[in-house]
Protein backbone atom coordinates (compact mmCIF):
# COMPACT_ATOMS: atom_id res chain seq x y z
CA MET A 1 149.93 -140.72 77.13
CA MET A 2 150.56 -136.88 76.47
CA VAL A 3 150.44 -135.17 73.02
CA VAL A 4 153.30 -132.38 72.93
CA PRO A 5 153.59 -130.38 69.64
CA SER A 6 157.13 -129.45 68.27
CA ALA A 7 155.91 -125.64 68.82
CA SER A 8 154.19 -123.73 70.93
CA TYR A 9 151.20 -121.70 69.59
CA ARG A 10 152.30 -118.55 69.38
CA ALA A 11 155.43 -119.70 67.83
CA VAL A 12 153.03 -121.49 64.94
CA LEU A 13 151.41 -117.89 64.44
CA ASP A 14 154.51 -116.04 63.55
CA ARG A 15 155.49 -118.98 61.29
CA ALA A 16 151.99 -118.74 59.54
CA GLY A 17 152.17 -114.81 59.15
CA VAL A 18 148.97 -114.07 61.89
CA HIS A 19 150.90 -110.96 63.91
CA GLU A 20 147.99 -108.58 64.27
CA PRO A 21 147.38 -108.65 68.34
CA SER A 22 143.36 -109.01 68.02
CA MET A 23 143.60 -111.65 64.80
CA ARG A 24 146.27 -113.34 66.89
CA SER A 25 143.86 -113.74 69.59
CA THR A 26 140.96 -114.82 66.93
CA TYR A 27 143.11 -117.66 65.74
CA GLN A 28 143.89 -118.75 69.67
CA ASP A 29 140.12 -119.20 70.06
CA ILE A 30 139.52 -120.69 67.14
CA ALA A 31 142.22 -123.52 68.21
CA ARG A 32 140.74 -123.51 71.53
CA LYS A 33 137.48 -124.61 69.98
CA VAL A 34 138.78 -127.09 67.61
CA ARG A 35 140.70 -128.31 70.10
CA ARG A 36 137.33 -128.81 72.38
CA LEU A 37 135.60 -130.20 69.48
CA GLU A 38 137.65 -132.53 67.75
CA PRO A 39 140.78 -133.68 69.72
CA PRO A 40 141.64 -136.67 67.37
CA TYR A 41 141.71 -133.85 64.54
CA TYR A 42 143.46 -131.15 66.35
CA ALA A 43 146.17 -133.26 67.73
CA ALA A 44 147.05 -134.75 64.13
CA THR A 45 147.36 -130.54 62.59
CA ARG A 46 149.23 -129.83 65.67
CA LEU A 47 151.72 -132.84 65.49
CA LEU A 48 152.26 -134.23 62.04
CA ALA A 49 150.77 -130.88 59.93
CA PRO A 50 153.97 -128.32 58.83
CA SER A 51 153.59 -125.34 61.44
CA TRP A 52 153.01 -122.83 58.91
CA LEU A 53 150.11 -124.17 58.02
CA GLN A 54 148.35 -125.18 61.07
CA PRO A 55 146.64 -121.99 62.18
CA HIS A 56 145.15 -121.84 58.56
CA ILE A 57 144.31 -125.39 58.69
CA LEU A 58 142.39 -125.20 62.13
CA CYS A 59 140.76 -121.99 60.92
CA VAL A 60 139.14 -124.16 57.94
CA TYR A 61 137.90 -126.53 60.17
CA ALA A 62 136.23 -124.14 62.32
CA PHE A 63 134.55 -122.14 59.27
CA ALA A 64 133.46 -125.75 58.00
CA HIS A 65 132.16 -126.86 61.35
CA ALA A 66 130.12 -123.49 61.63
CA THR A 67 128.63 -123.79 58.12
CA ASP A 68 127.53 -127.45 59.31
CA THR A 69 126.12 -126.57 62.45
CA ALA A 70 124.28 -123.88 60.71
CA ALA A 71 122.76 -126.59 58.20
CA ASP A 72 122.11 -129.66 60.58
CA SER A 73 121.74 -128.53 64.05
CA GLY A 74 118.56 -126.52 66.11
CA PRO A 75 115.28 -126.59 65.77
CA VAL A 76 114.25 -127.43 62.08
CA ALA A 77 111.64 -124.60 62.04
CA GLY A 78 113.68 -121.55 61.01
CA ARG A 79 117.05 -123.88 60.08
CA ALA A 80 116.88 -122.34 56.20
CA HIS A 81 116.44 -118.86 57.45
CA ARG A 82 119.67 -119.54 59.86
CA PHE A 83 121.76 -121.15 57.36
CA HIS A 84 120.79 -118.27 54.70
CA ALA A 85 121.82 -115.96 57.45
CA TRP A 86 125.29 -117.68 57.82
CA ASP A 87 125.58 -118.13 53.90
CA THR A 88 124.71 -113.95 53.56
CA ALA A 89 127.50 -113.48 56.16
CA VAL A 90 129.80 -115.59 54.32
CA ARG A 91 129.31 -113.90 50.96
CA ALA A 92 129.52 -110.72 51.80
CA ALA A 93 132.61 -110.99 53.29
CA LEU A 94 134.06 -112.81 50.75
CA ALA A 95 132.71 -109.89 48.07
CA ASP A 96 133.76 -107.50 50.45
CA ARG A 97 137.15 -108.24 52.11
CA ARG A 98 136.00 -107.40 55.30
CA THR A 99 133.44 -108.67 58.35
CA ASP A 100 132.59 -108.07 61.55
CA ASP A 101 132.64 -111.53 62.43
CA PRO A 102 136.02 -112.53 63.98
CA ARG A 103 135.62 -115.82 62.69
CA LEU A 104 135.09 -114.75 58.85
CA ALA A 105 137.69 -112.58 59.81
CA ALA A 106 140.16 -114.88 60.50
CA LEU A 107 139.20 -116.79 57.00
CA LEU A 108 139.87 -113.55 54.94
CA HIS A 109 143.05 -113.61 56.57
CA THR A 110 143.63 -117.72 55.88
CA LEU A 111 142.65 -116.71 52.52
CA GLU A 112 144.84 -114.02 51.85
CA ARG A 113 148.01 -116.16 53.34
CA THR A 114 147.69 -119.22 51.76
CA GLY A 115 146.17 -118.51 48.48
CA LEU A 116 143.26 -120.71 49.17
CA PRO A 117 140.46 -120.08 46.07
CA GLU A 118 137.29 -118.53 47.60
CA THR A 119 135.35 -120.35 44.98
CA TRP A 120 136.32 -123.40 46.88
CA VAL A 121 134.73 -121.69 49.71
CA GLY A 122 131.75 -121.11 47.59
CA THR A 123 131.11 -124.71 46.45
CA PHE A 124 131.44 -125.97 49.72
CA VAL A 125 128.29 -123.48 51.36
CA ASP A 126 126.64 -124.19 48.20
CA GLY A 127 126.82 -127.99 48.97
CA MET A 128 126.12 -127.53 52.52
CA ALA A 129 123.00 -125.51 51.09
CA GLY A 130 121.42 -128.80 50.00
CA ASP A 131 122.02 -130.66 53.24
CA LEU A 132 119.94 -128.62 55.51
CA GLY A 133 119.42 -130.95 58.50
CA TYR A 134 118.94 -134.63 56.17
CA ARG A 135 120.88 -136.55 54.27
CA ASP A 136 118.69 -138.73 51.90
CA PHE A 137 120.95 -140.90 49.96
CA GLY A 138 118.89 -143.34 49.62
CA SER A 139 120.93 -145.29 46.94
CA GLU A 140 124.40 -145.61 45.85
CA ALA A 141 123.85 -142.73 43.00
CA GLY A 142 122.64 -140.70 45.97
CA PHE A 143 125.38 -141.31 48.24
CA GLN A 144 127.91 -140.44 45.45
CA ALA A 145 126.04 -136.87 44.75
CA TYR A 146 126.54 -136.31 48.69
CA VAL A 147 130.18 -137.12 48.15
CA ASP A 148 130.30 -134.65 45.46
CA ARG A 149 128.24 -132.29 46.85
CA VAL A 150 129.76 -131.83 50.03
CA SER A 151 132.60 -134.37 51.13
CA HIS A 152 134.67 -133.86 48.07
CA PRO A 153 134.67 -129.77 48.41
CA LEU A 154 135.22 -129.93 52.45
CA MET A 155 138.77 -132.13 51.33
CA LEU A 156 139.50 -129.50 48.96
CA LEU A 157 138.98 -126.79 51.55
CA LEU A 158 140.85 -128.70 54.12
CA SER A 159 143.93 -129.57 52.21
CA GLY A 160 144.06 -127.02 49.84
CA VAL A 161 145.75 -124.20 51.83
CA HIS A 162 148.53 -125.71 50.78
CA PRO A 163 149.30 -124.86 46.99
CA GLY A 164 150.19 -128.19 46.24
CA CYS A 165 147.11 -129.64 46.75
CA ARG A 166 145.33 -127.42 44.13
CA THR A 167 147.07 -129.98 41.36
CA ARG A 168 144.35 -131.36 39.05
CA GLU A 169 146.26 -134.80 40.57
CA VAL A 170 146.03 -134.16 44.25
CA VAL A 171 142.19 -132.66 43.60
CA ARG A 172 141.01 -135.92 41.77
CA ALA A 173 142.89 -138.14 44.55
CA LEU A 174 140.98 -136.45 47.25
CA ARG A 175 138.01 -137.34 45.89
CA ASP A 176 138.61 -141.24 46.66
CA ALA A 177 139.65 -140.30 50.52
CA ALA A 178 136.51 -138.02 50.90
CA GLU A 179 134.88 -141.27 49.96
CA ALA A 180 136.50 -143.48 52.08
CA ALA A 181 136.31 -141.24 54.99
CA GLN A 182 132.13 -140.85 54.54
CA ARG A 183 131.46 -144.14 54.19
CA ILE A 184 133.17 -145.25 57.02
CA ASP A 185 131.46 -142.26 58.91
CA CYS A 186 128.14 -143.01 57.56
CA LEU A 187 128.71 -146.38 58.69
CA SER A 188 130.12 -146.07 62.29
CA ASP A 189 127.07 -143.69 62.57
CA LEU A 190 124.24 -146.54 61.31
CA ALA A 191 122.71 -146.92 64.49
CA ASP A 192 122.11 -143.16 65.28
CA ASP A 193 120.66 -143.02 61.89
CA VAL A 194 118.16 -146.12 62.39
CA ARG A 195 117.04 -144.59 65.25
CA ALA A 196 116.11 -141.39 64.31
CA GLY A 197 114.47 -142.97 61.18
CA ARG A 198 116.38 -141.75 58.41
CA PRO A 199 119.68 -144.18 57.85
CA CYS A 200 122.01 -143.16 55.25
CA LEU A 201 123.00 -146.06 53.65
CA PRO A 202 121.08 -149.41 52.75
CA HIS A 203 121.33 -151.71 55.74
CA THR A 204 119.90 -155.25 55.26
CA GLY A 205 122.41 -158.01 55.57
CA TRP A 206 123.62 -158.28 51.74
CA GLN A 207 123.22 -154.63 51.98
CA LEU A 208 125.32 -153.84 54.94
CA ARG A 209 128.23 -156.34 53.77
CA GLY A 210 127.96 -154.49 49.99
CA GLN A 211 128.68 -151.23 52.00
CA ILE A 212 131.23 -152.45 53.95
CA GLU A 213 133.37 -153.82 50.56
CA LEU A 214 133.22 -150.51 49.31
CA ALA A 215 134.12 -148.80 52.28
CA ARG A 216 137.36 -150.67 52.46
CA GLN A 217 137.87 -150.36 48.43
CA ALA A 218 137.79 -146.54 48.24
CA LEU A 219 140.11 -146.37 51.14
CA GLY A 220 142.50 -148.63 49.08
CA ARG A 221 142.44 -146.15 46.35
CA ALA A 222 142.61 -143.51 48.77
CA ARG A 223 146.24 -144.36 49.17
CA ASP A 224 147.20 -143.75 45.59
CA ILE A 225 147.05 -140.16 46.77
CA LEU A 226 150.48 -140.20 48.65
CA PRO A 227 152.95 -140.05 45.97
CA PHE A 228 151.35 -136.76 44.46
CA LEU A 229 151.60 -134.91 47.83
CA PRO A 230 153.87 -132.24 48.69
CA PRO A 231 156.35 -134.47 51.28
CA GLU A 232 155.73 -132.33 54.02
CA LEU A 233 151.96 -133.08 53.74
CA VAL A 234 152.70 -136.98 53.58
CA PRO A 235 152.75 -137.67 57.35
CA VAL A 236 149.27 -136.17 57.77
CA MET A 237 147.47 -137.94 55.44
CA THR A 238 148.80 -141.29 55.83
CA ALA A 239 147.50 -140.82 59.32
CA PHE A 240 144.64 -139.88 58.23
CA LEU A 241 144.05 -142.98 56.01
CA ASP A 242 145.56 -145.48 59.18
CA VAL A 243 143.17 -143.94 61.44
CA HIS A 244 140.63 -144.45 59.49
CA THR A 245 141.60 -148.04 58.98
CA LEU A 246 141.72 -148.52 62.52
CA GLN A 247 137.96 -147.38 62.05
CA LEU A 248 137.08 -149.40 59.81
CA ARG A 249 138.27 -152.69 60.90
CA ALA A 250 135.80 -151.23 64.37
CA VAL A 251 132.90 -151.47 61.66
CA GLU A 252 133.81 -155.14 60.22
CA ARG A 253 133.84 -156.05 63.82
CA ALA A 254 130.31 -154.65 64.66
CA GLY A 255 129.09 -156.71 61.15
CA PRO A 256 125.42 -156.94 61.58
CA ARG A 257 124.95 -154.80 65.18
CA LEU A 258 126.16 -151.70 63.11
CA THR A 259 122.05 -150.96 62.83
CA ARG A 260 121.97 -151.11 66.60
CA THR A 261 125.40 -149.87 67.90
CA THR A 262 127.15 -146.67 67.08
CA VAL A 263 130.62 -147.60 66.26
CA ARG A 264 133.02 -144.97 68.57
CA PRO A 265 136.59 -144.02 67.24
CA PRO A 266 139.28 -145.82 68.79
CA LEU A 267 141.17 -143.11 70.54
CA LEU A 268 143.58 -144.80 72.36
CA ALA A 269 144.74 -146.64 69.18
CA SER A 270 144.53 -143.75 66.85
CA LEU A 271 146.94 -141.58 69.54
CA LYS A 272 149.26 -144.35 69.16
CA VAL A 273 148.68 -144.20 65.19
CA LEU A 274 149.30 -140.11 65.38
CA LEU A 275 152.48 -140.28 67.96
CA SER A 276 154.41 -143.19 65.67
CA ALA A 277 153.76 -141.14 62.63
CA ARG A 278 155.08 -138.01 64.59
CA ARG A 279 158.27 -140.46 65.53
CA GLN A 280 158.57 -141.33 61.53
CA HIS A 281 158.45 -137.82 60.86
CA MET A 282 160.69 -136.37 63.19
CA LYS A 283 162.83 -139.42 62.22
CA GLY A 284 163.09 -138.34 58.51
CA ALA A 285 163.15 -134.57 59.37
CA LEU A 286 166.52 -135.34 61.22
CA SER A 287 168.13 -137.34 58.78
């Protein structure tokens, strides 16, 4: 099954206001990296997001991934130092409006073109600073604090490249979407965390059933965001919620095995969701 975006990436860069040759090359490198790291996210962006936003969405995703990598990858020894170096580079780029790092240069360009608040960048980096290699939720309050500190700021960054996603109603509704996605992701990866000796959610029999129910409730609340979104973003958010619904069903089928078996994303079913959403999106655009 072939995924065919509606426009070449060169045309998309033109629509996004990325004209300078070296900057275009950087955005193209970023797109290739996101396609390699997270194919479903790349496909959803290219198929469903407005063309003038696609390079900026991928740029912000790549920045978030680089920040997460600095906070949660590599040898534990020296991790805080590595994150501090990245944090310092980000703050300097934001303060000086210039940088020698191509990734941060692209981020600065995205901030300028979209009006994404740079304070939201700082909030996300601040949140990741508290996640240096260990997610210790331990309780529902701990989990909610993590969503407030990391998951919600990430959703704001990825959505906030569109001015219509900076309203009070959308910002509040994105909190539910962030909680739903984070809880489903944690349940999917629970076996890996248990094996590593750092489970991020309570996982005895009755606790696990409760976590699945909380995920279902959060996902239901997250759909309340759709009436508040700019119309051109409804397809991509609908697909995001539908894909997480598929993932939650896989989690529910695993049940008690979640502590022993990692739940992989249902890639084929997710791709079908994206293609169906694309057909509906094109039908609406042509009607």
